[in-house]
C-alpha cells in the first residue's frame, strides 16, 4: 500500500513542488477550454428540437493512439476500458468509485478515488432529520498512487481496498452482490469508531453509461457508469449507536468514473434512488457541464430498473444579489423536452473547498427533497413527492 500522508501541509508541499511544471505545459490548452459554466454551449434552448443521441456499440474504448473511438451513451456497459491503453500523462488519469446509500432518514457515502497525484478514501454519515440535519466526514489520503490501487476495469465486478491508520475501506463485487465494508476510528472526535457493513443486491437491468471526449484535448475522455436503485441492507455502528438499512426502504447508487481530465473543469450532477409510494423503484441521473456532449447527454429516468432517455436538463440554482449561488434556497430543474420538471428543497450542503494553489476544488453537494413529474418513453406520467436525493456543482482545477 502507498505511503499514507497524515499531514495536509506535507501533501500540499509535496504536490505543489512536483506538479507545477507539469501543469504549466497544459496552460495553453486549458485556456482554450474556458467557458461560462452557466451558459454551456452544449445545452439546447428550450425552443430547439431534441438532438439525435448516439448509442454506443460494443468494442474497445480507445484506439492505438489513445483516442476515443466512439462517444455516446448506453444503458449497459459496452466499451472495454484498460488503463494501459491511455496515452496521456499519468497525472491526468482519474479513477473513482462513489456509493451513496439512503433510506430517506439517514445516509452513507463511501468514496475511493485515485486522481493521479492523490488517492483518497472517505466515509460520510448523514442525519437528514429536518429539525437538526447533520453530517460528518472522515478519511485519509495517499500521495502519488498513479494507478497502484488497481481499480477494476468494469463496474460489473471487481474489488478494491484502502488501508491506513485513519480508515479501512473495501468494495467487493462478484457480479451479483456488492459488499461495502468500512472502519474508521475516532470518527466523531469523541473516540467513537464507525463500522459499516452494507450489501447491495437486485442490480437493475439498465444503468447510465456515457463516453464523453473533451474539446482541444485529444487524449482526454470521461467514461462513466451510474447504477441507480440497487437494494441496500446492512448496518452502521457509531460507538454504541446502530443504524440499520432495511431492504424495504433503502436504496443505493454507484458513480463509477474512469478518464483523463483537463486541468480545469466544472460539472453539475444530480441523482435520486427511491421507492415510490406504490412500492416501485424510481430514480434518475441528471448532469452536464464538462466535455463534448454533442452525441449524448447523461440524463435518464429509471422505473423498476428500466431506463428512459431524456435530452437536456437544466439546474436552476438561486443566486444572491452578488451573483453567487444560494445553495440552501429551493432549486428548480427543467428539461428541454419537458419530460422532467422538479422542485428541490435543500436539507444539507456538503460543501468542501480546498485551495492548494495549483490544486483547487469547490464542491457543493446538496442533499434534499425532490418533488416533480417525469414522463416515460411511452408517455406515462410519474409523480413523486419529497424523495431524498442530491444535486451538486463542482469546480476543479486538478
Foldseek 3Di string as FASTA:
>chain_A
DFDFDDDVVVLLVVVCVPCVVVQVVCVVLVVVQDDDLQCDPQADDLPDDFDAADDDAAEAQADQCLFGPDWTKYFDDGHFDDPVSFPDDLQQKKWKKWKWKDLLAKIKIWIWIDNFQKTKTKIKIWGLPLVDTDMFMDITMGGGCSCVQVDDRDPQFDKGWDDDQAKTWIWGHPRFKIWTWMWGACRPVPRWIKTWIKMWGDFFPTWIWTWFAAPSDRNWIKTKIKTWFTFMWTWMDTHPDIDTRDSQRMIMMMITIIIGDAQKWKKKWWKAWGAAPVGWIKMWIAMDTGGDQNNAGRTWIDINRDTFGAGHKDKAFDADPVGHGPRQCKIWMAGSVRQWTKIWHFRDWPWDWDPSPQKTKTKTKTKTFIWTWGAGPVRDIDTGGGGIIIMMMMIIRD
